[in-house]
């Protein structure tokens, strides 16, 4: 071969290599472990976005609540307020005459208000000015209050601010714990979807292997048939095994496509990506102390906060019923300076003092027992809430204890299922070899095949049961017993707030 031919050959080889490199199918297989699937679910699934938005909603509810008890500076007014109409005007003698009124009014007030939650009091300081221009009589007048302070104090009334100060912090704290719990629930859901896919993937791999072995057995059977060393009945059974294996593979392929679509949709993965799941075998088995689990559950779960809030709300409703059925009184007062003048500056020259003190009363005299029945109803509802909370607390503690006990038992079950899977797999391989050597019948091979599939499915199911119980325990306690620390998550949607 001359030099030119070698150059042409090398150039052609390089061109083909580069072309193959850039024309490779971008659909590469993605290998995912259980941890990969859980991490994807809690970072990019639609469920985590919903949980984050819900947490943001409670964050702004809490911020809004806090602002209600901070000083409020408000500017109010009317500008302009123009009137041109015929209006009935009361005369000094009491008669009414229709007069044409044409004026322009303007007013403004700046007020600083503050609530005192413990007392239920509202206090304020304000300054105001009022201007009127009469076009018919051609004059302008001003009035206003350069300085005014006042208060409004309900007497023996239901103080909603005091009770809100008790319940709203609990609502917010419960929302924070619920956010962590929601993420753990997403991890549990991802675990279930992972094992649903893994179970079908395992069955698909078994079906492929079974079909391959069935085809190999058929070839051996055809050779024995030619030699006359196999009966027609056994040969038919081997043919039937091939048909059944092909049918099982087709069904497994369809189930795998459905599971593939569901998992990718949940994880927000591209549907054209090919994925393969890794069986989670590298787990660390550990024991969980029952008392420790119960202690962490009571300290971390939102139920503890919710129980306290429900009891407070029951007391609040009873107090509200009592306050709303008796004497209603409101004390209001104000002190300030006011004046009127022909110019705006004249309002602030020698203003006169303005004082107000008022006590408003409302006393029910005859209500046909309505007040008493409302109080009795609230008392009954409070007693029911106390009873429900006690039952719920007992049920919650029992659920935690039962979950810990079940988790401890699952470790032995998992180890047993693993050993059974190994034994069944080895037994099938031995039976397959014996069958191909003519030592056992197709019936014995099918029995070994069934035992193999049952053991494999049982092992995958045991793995699923273990990991589901693991995440259930995390949800019930919001504690990571493997790392020996509380479970916490940050909301990236609040990172910039």
Protein backbone atom coordinates (compact mmCIF):
# COMPACT_ATOMS: atom_id res chain seq x y z
CA UNK A 1 0.00 0.00 0.00
CA UNK A 2 1.49 3.34 -1.05
CA UNK A 3 1.63 6.51 1.08
CA UNK A 4 -1.36 8.19 -0.61
CA UNK A 5 -3.55 5.15 0.00
CA UNK A 6 -2.51 5.10 3.66
CA UNK A 7 -3.37 8.79 4.08
CA UNK A 8 -6.76 8.25 2.46
CA UNK A 9 -7.43 5.24 4.70
CA UNK A 10 -6.44 7.10 7.91
CA UNK A 11 -8.46 10.18 6.92
CA UNK A 12 -11.50 8.04 6.21
CA UNK A 13 -11.13 6.25 9.56
CA UNK A 14 -10.84 9.54 11.48
CA UNK A 15 -13.88 10.97 9.65
CA UNK A 16 -15.97 7.94 10.51
CA UNK A 17 -14.85 8.11 14.17
CA UNK A 18 -15.67 11.82 14.51
CA UNK A 19 -19.00 11.35 12.75
CA UNK A 20 -19.92 8.53 15.09
CA UNK A 21 -18.87 10.61 18.09
CA UNK A 22 -21.14 13.53 17.20
CA UNK A 23 -23.99 11.45 15.86
CA UNK A 24 -24.37 9.30 18.96
CA UNK A 25 -27.86 9.02 20.36
CA UNK A 26 -28.20 11.65 23.10
CA UNK A 27 -30.59 9.29 24.90
CA UNK A 28 -28.12 7.79 27.34
CA UNK A 29 -29.13 5.50 30.17
CA UNK A 30 -29.35 7.19 33.57
CA UNK A 31 -28.61 4.98 36.55
CA UNK A 32 -30.52 6.04 39.67
CA UNK A 33 -30.27 4.82 43.23
CA UNK A 34 -33.00 5.22 45.83
CA UNK A 35 -31.18 8.24 47.24
CA UNK A 36 -30.99 9.79 43.76
CA UNK A 37 -34.72 9.40 43.27
CA UNK A 38 -35.53 10.84 46.71
CA UNK A 39 -33.16 13.79 46.18
CA UNK A 40 -34.74 14.55 42.80
CA UNK A 41 -38.22 14.37 44.30
CA UNK A 42 -37.46 16.80 47.13
CA UNK A 43 -35.68 19.28 44.87
CA UNK A 44 -37.58 19.48 41.58
CA UNK A 45 -40.90 17.62 41.69
CA UNK A 46 -44.23 19.43 41.48
CA UNK A 47 -44.99 18.20 45.00
CA UNK A 48 -42.02 20.05 46.51
CA UNK A 49 -43.03 23.23 44.70
CA UNK A 50 -46.49 22.99 46.23
CA UNK A 51 -45.01 22.42 49.70
CA UNK A 52 -42.68 25.39 49.31
CA UNK A 53 -45.49 27.69 48.16
CA UNK A 54 -47.68 26.57 51.06
CA UNK A 55 -44.84 27.38 53.45
CA UNK A 56 -44.42 30.81 51.86
CA UNK A 57 -48.15 31.43 52.34
CA UNK A 58 -47.85 30.80 56.08
CA UNK A 59 -44.72 32.93 56.23
CA UNK A 60 -46.56 35.94 54.88
CA UNK A 61 -49.54 35.21 57.11
CA UNK A 62 -47.17 35.40 60.07
CA UNK A 63 -45.58 38.61 58.79
CA UNK A 64 -49.01 40.12 58.25
CA UNK A 65 -50.04 39.20 61.78
CA UNK A 66 -46.94 40.84 63.25
CA UNK A 67 -47.61 44.10 61.42
CA UNK A 68 -51.08 44.36 62.96
CA UNK A 69 -49.52 45.17 66.35
CA UNK A 70 -46.96 47.66 65.12
CA UNK A 71 -47.54 51.43 64.93
CA UNK A 72 -49.60 52.40 61.89
CA UNK A 73 -49.12 55.81 60.28
CA UNK A 74 -52.07 56.69 58.07
CA UNK A 75 -52.94 59.65 55.86
CA UNK A 76 -56.64 60.11 55.04
CA UNK A 77 -58.55 62.89 53.36
CA UNK A 78 -60.90 64.13 50.67
CA UNK A 79 -59.43 66.19 47.86
CA UNK A 80 -61.44 67.58 46.24
CA UNK A 81 -65.05 67.45 47.52
CA UNK A 82 -66.98 69.80 45.24
CA UNK A 83 -70.75 70.36 45.56
CA UNK A 84 -73.05 72.45 43.36
CA UNK A 85 -76.73 71.63 43.94
CA UNK A 86 -80.05 72.78 45.37
CA UNK A 87 -80.23 71.52 48.93
CA UNK A 88 -82.90 71.73 51.65
CA UNK A 89 -81.57 73.99 54.41
CA UNK A 90 -83.12 74.21 57.90
CA UNK A 91 -83.85 77.81 58.87
CA UNK A 92 -83.53 79.29 62.40
CA UNK A 93 -87.29 79.05 62.90
CA UNK A 94 -87.29 75.38 61.98
CA UNK A 95 -88.65 75.78 58.49
CA UNK A 96 -86.91 74.35 55.45
CA UNK A 97 -85.98 76.30 52.39
CA UNK A 98 -84.25 75.08 49.25
CA UNK A 99 -81.03 76.93 48.67
CA UNK A 100 -78.43 76.63 45.97
CA UNK A 101 -75.19 75.47 47.47
CA UNK A 102 -71.88 75.79 45.69
CA UNK A 103 -68.76 74.96 47.66
CA UNK A 104 -65.51 73.02 47.58
CA UNK A 105 -64.28 71.18 50.62
CA UNK A 106 -60.96 69.52 51.37
CA UNK A 107 -59.75 67.64 54.43
CA UNK A 108 -56.65 65.76 55.51
CA UNK A 109 -55.64 63.84 58.61
CA UNK A 110 -52.44 62.15 59.65
CA UNK A 111 -52.82 59.65 62.47
CA UNK A 112 -50.44 57.38 64.32
CA UNK A 113 -52.20 54.40 65.96
CA UNK A 114 -51.01 51.59 68.16
CA UNK A 115 -52.73 48.54 69.64
CA UNK A 116 -51.96 47.19 73.12
CA UNK A 117 -52.81 43.47 72.86
CA UNK A 118 -52.65 42.66 76.56
CA UNK A 119 -55.32 45.28 77.41
CA UNK A 120 -57.19 45.27 74.12
CA UNK A 121 -56.68 49.03 73.95
CA UNK A 122 -56.24 51.17 70.86
CA UNK A 123 -54.44 54.51 71.24
CA UNK A 124 -53.80 57.14 68.62
CA UNK A 125 -52.33 60.57 67.97
CA UNK A 126 -53.51 62.69 65.08
CA UNK A 127 -53.47 66.07 63.44
CA UNK A 128 -56.09 67.27 60.95
CA UNK A 129 -57.10 70.24 58.83
CA UNK A 130 -60.37 71.09 57.07
CA UNK A 131 -60.94 73.73 54.37
CA UNK A 132 -64.21 74.96 52.91
CA UNK A 133 -64.72 77.50 50.12
CA UNK A 134 -68.23 78.93 49.60
CA UNK A 135 -68.58 80.24 46.04
CA UNK A 136 -72.00 81.82 46.60
CA UNK A 137 -70.92 83.94 49.60
CA UNK A 138 -67.32 84.21 48.41
CA UNK A 139 -65.46 83.23 51.55
CA UNK A 140 -62.92 80.62 52.66
CA UNK A 141 -62.76 79.11 56.14
CA UNK A 142 -60.37 76.66 57.85
CA UNK A 143 -60.70 74.45 60.91
CA UNK A 144 -58.70 71.62 62.38
CA UNK A 145 -56.95 69.98 65.29
CA UNK A 146 -53.24 70.71 65.50
CA UNK A 147 -52.85 67.96 68.05
CA UNK A 148 -55.15 65.22 69.30
CA UNK A 149 -54.56 62.04 71.31
CA UNK A 150 -57.15 59.46 72.21
CA UNK A 151 -57.92 55.90 73.17
CA UNK A 152 -60.61 53.26 72.89
CA UNK A 153 -60.86 50.70 75.69
CA UNK A 154 -63.43 47.87 75.70
CA UNK A 155 -64.53 47.04 79.25
CA UNK A 156 -65.22 43.41 80.21
CA UNK A 157 -65.18 42.56 76.49
CA UNK A 158 -63.65 39.74 74.48
CA UNK A 159 -60.04 40.68 73.70
CA UNK A 160 -59.30 39.09 70.34
CA UNK A 161 -55.77 40.54 70.27
CA UNK A 162 -54.75 38.74 73.46
CA UNK A 163 -55.94 35.38 72.14
CA UNK A 164 -54.45 35.94 68.69
CA UNK A 165 -51.08 36.55 70.36
CA UNK A 166 -51.38 33.04 71.82
CA UNK A 167 -52.60 31.10 68.77
CA UNK A 168 -50.86 32.71 65.77
CA UNK A 169 -47.30 31.83 66.88
CA UNK A 170 -48.49 28.24 67.26
CA UNK A 171 -50.02 28.29 63.78
CA UNK A 172 -46.73 29.51 62.31
CA UNK A 173 -44.62 26.98 64.23
CA UNK A 174 -46.98 24.21 63.16
CA UNK A 175 -46.59 25.33 59.53
CA UNK A 176 -42.79 25.15 59.82
CA UNK A 177 -42.96 21.60 61.14
CA UNK A 178 -45.55 20.69 58.55
CA UNK A 179 -43.15 21.92 55.84
CA UNK A 180 -40.50 19.45 57.02
CA UNK A 181 -43.10 16.71 57.30
CA UNK A 182 -44.35 17.44 53.76
CA UNK A 183 -40.86 16.98 52.36
CA UNK A 184 -40.50 13.68 54.19
CA UNK A 185 -43.90 12.66 52.79
CA UNK A 186 -42.54 13.44 49.31
CA UNK A 187 -39.52 11.25 50.07
CA UNK A 188 -41.87 8.44 51.11
CA UNK A 189 -43.93 8.84 47.94
CA UNK A 190 -40.75 8.79 45.85
CA UNK A 191 -39.67 5.62 47.66
CA UNK A 192 -42.93 3.89 46.80
CA UNK A 193 -42.65 4.91 43.16
CA UNK A 194 -39.01 3.81 43.11
CA UNK A 195 -39.87 0.31 44.32
CA UNK A 196 -42.89 0.05 42.05
CA UNK A 197 -40.54 0.71 39.14
CA UNK A 198 -37.83 -1.58 40.61
CA UNK A 199 -40.29 -4.44 41.10
CA UNK A 200 -41.44 -4.19 37.48
CA UNK A 201 -37.86 -3.74 36.26
CA UNK A 202 -36.81 -6.86 38.19
CA UNK A 203 -39.70 -8.84 36.76
CA UNK A 204 -38.80 -7.58 33.27
CA UNK A 205 -35.19 -8.73 33.68
CA UNK A 206 -36.39 -12.11 34.94
CA UNK A 207 -38.77 -12.38 31.99
CA UNK A 208 -35.95 -11.62 29.54
CA UNK A 209 -33.73 -14.22 31.22
CA UNK A 210 -36.53 -16.76 31.29
CA UNK A 211 -37.23 -16.30 27.59
CA UNK A 212 -33.55 -16.69 26.76
CA UNK A 213 -33.31 -19.88 28.83
CA UNK A 214 -36.59 -21.19 27.37
CA UNK A 215 -35.27 -20.68 23.84
CA UNK A 216 -32.04 -22.48 24.77
CA UNK A 217 -34.09 -25.33 26.27
CA UNK A 218 -36.16 -25.51 23.08
CA UNK A 219 -33.03 -25.88 20.95
CA UNK A 220 -31.80 -28.70 23.18
CA UNK A 221 -35.26 -30.32 23.07
CA UNK A 222 -35.30 -30.14 19.25
CA UNK A 223 -31.95 -31.97 19.13
CA UNK A 224 -33.23 -34.61 21.56
CA UNK A 225 -36.39 -34.97 19.51
CA UNK A 226 -34.32 -35.71 16.43
CA UNK A 227 -32.43 -38.30 18.47
CA UNK A 228 -35.68 -39.69 19.87
CA UNK A 229 -34.66 -39.14 23.49
CA UNK A 230 -37.60 -36.89 24.47
CA UNK A 231 -41.31 -37.54 24.46
CA UNK A 232 -43.77 -35.46 22.47
CA UNK A 233 -45.50 -34.45 25.71
CA UNK A 234 -42.31 -33.03 27.22
CA UNK A 235 -41.45 -31.34 23.92
CA UNK A 236 -44.87 -29.66 23.84
CA UNK A 237 -44.40 -28.46 27.40
CA UNK A 238 -41.09 -26.89 26.47
CA UNK A 239 -42.71 -25.16 23.49
CA UNK A 240 -45.48 -23.92 25.77
CA UNK A 241 -42.87 -22.59 28.20
CA UNK A 242 -41.40 -20.49 25.36
CA UNK A 243 -44.82 -19.05 24.50
CA UNK A 244 -45.53 -18.27 28.14
CA UNK A 245 -42.12 -16.66 28.58
CA UNK A 246 -42.66 -14.48 25.50
CA UNK A 247 -46.12 -13.46 26.71
CA UNK A 248 -44.77 -12.66 30.18
CA UNK A 249 -42.00 -10.54 28.65
CA UNK A 250 -44.47 -8.54 26.56
CA UNK A 251 -46.60 -7.83 29.62
CA UNK A 252 -43.54 -6.88 31.65
CA UNK A 253 -42.40 -4.53 28.88
CA UNK A 254 -45.78 -2.75 28.88
CA UNK A 255 -45.82 -2.47 32.69
CA UNK A 256 -42.29 -1.11 32.61
CA UNK A 257 -43.27 1.62 30.13
CA UNK A 258 -46.16 2.71 32.35
CA UNK A 259 -43.97 2.76 35.46
CA UNK A 260 -41.26 4.58 33.53
CA UNK A 261 -43.67 7.33 32.48
CA UNK A 262 -45.07 7.72 35.99
CA UNK A 263 -41.65 7.97 37.67
CA UNK A 264 -40.26 10.45 35.12
CA UNK A 265 -43.37 12.62 35.36
CA UNK A 266 -43.11 12.69 39.14
CA UNK A 267 -39.40 13.57 39.09
CA UNK A 268 -39.78 16.10 36.25
CA UNK A 269 -37.35 14.10 34.05
CA UNK A 270 -37.38 14.13 30.27
CA UNK A 271 -39.44 11.27 28.91
CA UNK A 272 -36.87 10.41 26.21
CA UNK A 273 -34.22 9.58 28.83
CA UNK A 274 -33.65 5.91 29.54
CA UNK A 275 -33.32 5.10 33.24
CA UNK A 276 -32.26 2.07 35.23
CA UNK A 277 -32.73 1.70 38.97
CA UNK A 278 -30.17 0.20 41.32
CA UNK A 279 -31.43 -2.13 44.00
CA UNK A 280 -30.71 -0.42 47.38
CA UNK A 281 -28.57 -3.06 49.05
CA UNK A 282 -25.95 -0.87 50.77
CA UNK A 283 -28.10 0.04 53.76
CA UNK A 284 -27.03 0.44 57.35
CA UNK A 285 -29.25 -1.55 59.70
CA UNK A 286 -29.62 0.14 63.07
CA UNK A 287 -31.75 -0.16 66.18
CA UNK A 288 -34.15 2.57 67.30
CA UNK A 289 -34.79 3.26 70.96
CA UNK A 290 -38.53 3.45 71.63
CA UNK A 291 -38.26 6.16 74.28
CA UNK A 292 -35.96 8.25 72.11
CA UNK A 293 -38.36 8.00 69.17
CA UNK A 294 -41.30 9.05 71.33
CA UNK A 295 -39.33 11.94 72.80
CA UNK A 296 -38.31 13.25 69.37
CA UNK A 297 -41.83 12.83 68.00
CA UNK A 298 -43.31 14.92 70.81
CA UNK A 299 -40.61 17.57 70.38
CA UNK A 300 -40.59 17.82 66.58
CA UNK A 301 -44.02 16.96 65.18
CA UNK A 302 -46.71 19.54 64.55
CA UNK A 303 -49.25 17.45 66.44
CA UNK A 304 -47.84 18.65 69.76
CA UNK A 305 -48.29 22.26 68.68
CA UNK A 306 -51.74 21.54 67.25
CA UNK A 307 -52.91 19.89 70.47
CA UNK A 308 -51.90 22.99 72.43
CA UNK A 309 -53.53 25.32 69.91
CA UNK A 310 -56.80 23.35 69.93
CA UNK A 311 -57.01 23.60 73.71
CA UNK A 312 -56.32 27.34 73.62
CA UNK A 313 -58.93 27.88 70.90
CA UNK A 314 -61.49 25.95 72.96
CA UNK A 315 -60.80 28.23 75.93
CA UNK A 316 -60.96 31.24 73.62
CA UNK A 317 -64.39 30.29 72.33
CA UNK A 318 -65.65 29.79 75.89
CA UNK A 319 -64.27 33.18 76.96
CA UNK A 320 -65.80 34.83 73.89
CA UNK A 321 -69.19 33.29 74.66
CA UNK A 322 -69.06 34.58 78.24
CA UNK A 323 -67.95 38.07 77.25
CA UNK A 324 -70.56 38.40 74.50
CA UNK A 325 -73.49 37.48 76.76
CA UNK A 326 -73.03 40.01 79.57
CA UNK A 327 -72.41 43.71 79.96
CA UNK A 328 -70.90 45.42 76.92
CA UNK A 329 -69.07 48.65 77.65
CA UNK A 330 -66.60 50.75 75.72
CA UNK A 331 -64.69 53.69 77.17
CA UNK A 332 -63.40 56.25 74.69
CA UNK A 333 -61.55 59.46 75.37
CA UNK A 334 -59.49 62.10 73.64
CA UNK A 335 -57.64 65.29 74.43
CA UNK A 336 -56.28 67.84 72.06
CA UNK A 337 -56.40 71.31 70.60
CA UNK A 338 -58.76 72.66 67.92
CA UNK A 339 -59.43 75.96 66.22
CA UNK A 340 -60.98 77.68 63.20
CA UNK A 341 -59.72 80.65 61.23
CA UNK A 342 -59.87 82.37 57.91
CA UNK A 343 -56.36 81.24 57.02
CA UNK A 344 -54.53 77.95 57.32
CA UNK A 345 -51.94 79.40 59.69
CA UNK A 346 -54.62 80.81 61.93
CA UNK A 347 -55.61 77.30 63.06
CA UNK A 348 -52.35 77.05 64.97
CA UNK A 349 -52.70 80.46 66.71
CA UNK A 350 -54.16 80.25 70.21
CA UNK A 351 -56.07 76.97 69.68
CA UNK A 352 -58.60 75.94 72.30
CA UNK A 353 -58.54 72.72 74.26
CA UNK A 354 -60.78 69.84 73.13
CA UNK A 355 -61.72 67.04 75.52
CA UNK A 356 -63.91 63.98 75.17
CA UNK A 357 -64.76 61.12 77.55
CA UNK A 358 -67.52 58.66 76.76
CA UNK A 359 -68.67 55.37 78.29
CA UNK A 360 -71.01 53.36 76.06
CA UNK A 361 -73.07 50.59 77.67
CA UNK A 362 -75.13 47.69 76.41
CA UNK A 363 -76.84 45.33 78.88
CA UNK A 364 -79.06 42.41 77.81
CA UNK A 365 -82.22 42.32 79.91
CA UNK A 366 -84.38 39.62 78.35
CA UNK A 367 -82.95 37.11 75.85
CA UNK A 368 -84.99 33.98 76.75
CA UNK A 369 -81.93 32.04 77.92
CA UNK A 370 -79.91 32.66 74.74
CA UNK A 371 -76.84 33.90 76.63
CA UNK A 372 -76.80 30.99 79.05
CA UNK A 373 -77.22 28.43 76.27
CA UNK A 374 -74.33 29.93 74.31
CA UNK A 375 -72.05 29.60 77.33
CA UNK A 376 -73.19 26.02 77.98
CA UNK A 377 -72.61 25.15 74.31
CA UNK A 378 -69.08 26.60 74.43
CA UNK A 379 -68.35 24.67 77.64
CA UNK A 380 -69.56 21.44 76.05
CA UNK A 381 -67.44 22.05 72.95
CA UNK A 382 -64.39 22.75 75.11
CA UNK A 383 -64.90 19.48 77.01
CA UNK A 384 -65.18 17.60 73.71
CA UNK A 385 -61.95 19.20 72.46
CA UNK A 386 -60.14 18.17 75.65
CA UNK A 387 -61.41 14.61 75.24
CA UNK A 388 -60.44 14.51 71.53
CA UNK A 389 -56.97 15.90 72.21
CA UNK A 390 -56.30 13.30 74.91
CA UNK A 391 -57.40 10.50 72.58
CA UNK A 392 -55.37 11.90 69.68
CA UNK A 393 -52.25 12.16 71.84
CA UNK A 394 -52.62 8.56 72.97
CA UNK A 395 -53.16 7.42 69.37
CA UNK A 396 -50.16 9.40 68.18
CA UNK A 397 -47.88 7.94 70.86
CA UNK A 398 -49.15 4.43 70.07
CA UNK A 399 -48.49 4.95 66.35
CA UNK A 400 -44.89 5.95 67.05
CA UNK A 401 -44.26 2.97 69.34
CA UNK A 402 -45.82 0.49 66.88
CA UNK A 403 -43.75 1.90 64.02
CA UNK A 404 -40.53 1.51 66.01
CA UNK A 405 -41.38 -2.10 66.90
CA UNK A 406 -42.26 -2.96 63.29
CA UNK A 407 -39.06 -1.35 62.04
CA UNK A 408 -37.00 -3.51 64.41
CA UNK A 409 -38.72 -6.69 63.20
CA UNK A 410 -38.21 -5.81 59.54
CA UNK A 411 -34.44 -6.15 59.81
CA UNK A 412 -34.70 -9.89 60.48
CA UNK A 413 -37.30 -10.25 57.74
CA UNK A 414 -35.05 -8.48 55.26
CA UNK A 415 -32.04 -10.66 56.05
CA UNK A 416 -34.19 -13.81 55.73
CA UNK A 417 -35.61 -12.69 52.35
CA UNK A 418 -32.10 -11.95 51.08
CA UNK A 419 -30.84 -15.42 51.97
CA UNK A 420 -33.96 -17.03 50.45
CA UNK A 421 -33.36 -15.11 47.22
CA UNK A 422 -29.79 -16.34 47.00
CA UNK A 423 -30.84 -19.94 47.67
CA UNK A 424 -33.66 -19.81 45.10
CA UNK A 425 -31.40 -18.25 42.45
CA UNK A 426 -28.74 -20.90 42.99
CA UNK A 427 -31.37 -23.64 42.98
CA UNK A 428 -32.76 -22.45 39.67
CA UNK A 429 -29.33 -22.39 38.04
CA UNK A 430 -28.68 -25.93 39.27
CA UNK A 431 -32.09 -27.11 38.02
CA UNK A 432 -31.53 -25.44 34.65
CA UNK A 433 -28.22 -27.19 34.22
CA UNK A 434 -29.73 -30.54 35.24
CA UNK A 435 -32.61 -30.08 32.84
CA UNK A 436 -30.27 -29.28 29.96
CA UNK A 437 -28.31 -32.42 30.86
CA UNK A 438 -31.52 -34.44 30.85
CA UNK A 439 -31.45 -35.23 34.57
CA UNK A 440 -34.81 -33.64 35.49
CA UNK A 441 -38.09 -32.95 33.71
CA UNK A 442 -39.54 -29.65 32.53
CA UNK A 443 -42.02 -29.85 35.41
CA UNK A 444 -39.21 -29.79 37.97
CA UNK A 445 -37.57 -26.89 36.14
CA UNK A 446 -40.83 -24.88 36.16
CA UNK A 447 -41.16 -25.48 39.89
CA UNK A 448 -37.65 -24.16 40.42
CA UNK A 449 -38.42 -21.20 38.14
CA UNK A 450 -41.54 -20.34 40.14
CA UNK A 451 -39.60 -20.53 43.39
CA UNK A 452 -36.96 -18.25 41.95
CA UNK A 453 -39.48 -15.62 40.85
CA UNK A 454 -41.35 -15.81 44.15
CA UNK A 455 -38.14 -15.41 46.16
CA UNK A 456 -36.99 -12.48 44.00
CA UNK A 457 -40.35 -10.71 44.32
CA UNK A 458 -40.41 -11.36 48.05
CA UNK A 459 -36.93 -9.90 48.43
CA UNK A 460 -37.84 -6.74 46.52
CA UNK A 461 -41.04 -6.49 48.57
CA UNK A 462 -39.02 -6.85 51.78
CA UNK A 463 -36.67 -4.10 50.65
CA UNK A 464 -39.65 -1.90 49.89
CA UNK A 465 -41.26 -2.63 53.26
CA UNK A 466 -38.02 -1.78 55.03
CA UNK A 467 -37.44 1.52 53.26
CA UNK A 468 -41.09 2.55 53.52
CA UNK A 469 -40.93 1.85 57.26
CA UNK A 470 -37.67 3.81 57.43
CA UNK A 471 -39.22 6.91 55.90
CA UNK A 472 -42.44 6.42 57.90
CA UNK A 473 -40.32 6.51 61.06
CA UNK A 474 -38.64 9.71 59.87
CA UNK A 475 -42.05 11.26 59.20
CA UNK A 476 -43.44 10.29 62.60
CA UNK A 477 -40.44 11.67 64.52
CA UNK A 478 -38.85 14.19 62.11
CA UNK A 479 -35.58 12.75 63.35
CA UNK A 480 -32.77 11.04 61.46
CA UNK A 481 -31.80 8.05 63.61
CA UNK A 482 -29.03 7.08 61.23
CA UNK A 483 -27.27 10.46 61.56
CA UNK A 484 -28.59 11.09 65.12
CA UNK A 485 -29.93 14.58 64.36
CA UNK A 486 -33.17 16.46 63.81
CA UNK A 487 -34.40 16.72 60.23
CA UNK A 488 -34.39 20.26 58.86
CA UNK A 489 -34.98 21.78 55.43
CA UNK A 490 -34.66 25.31 54.10
CA UNK A 491 -37.19 26.84 51.74
CA UNK A 492 -35.28 28.36 48.78
CA UNK A 493 -38.30 30.54 48.02
CA UNK A 494 -37.72 32.36 51.32
CA UNK A 495 -33.95 32.68 50.94
CA UNK A 496 -34.25 36.15 49.44
CA UNK A 497 -36.78 37.40 51.98
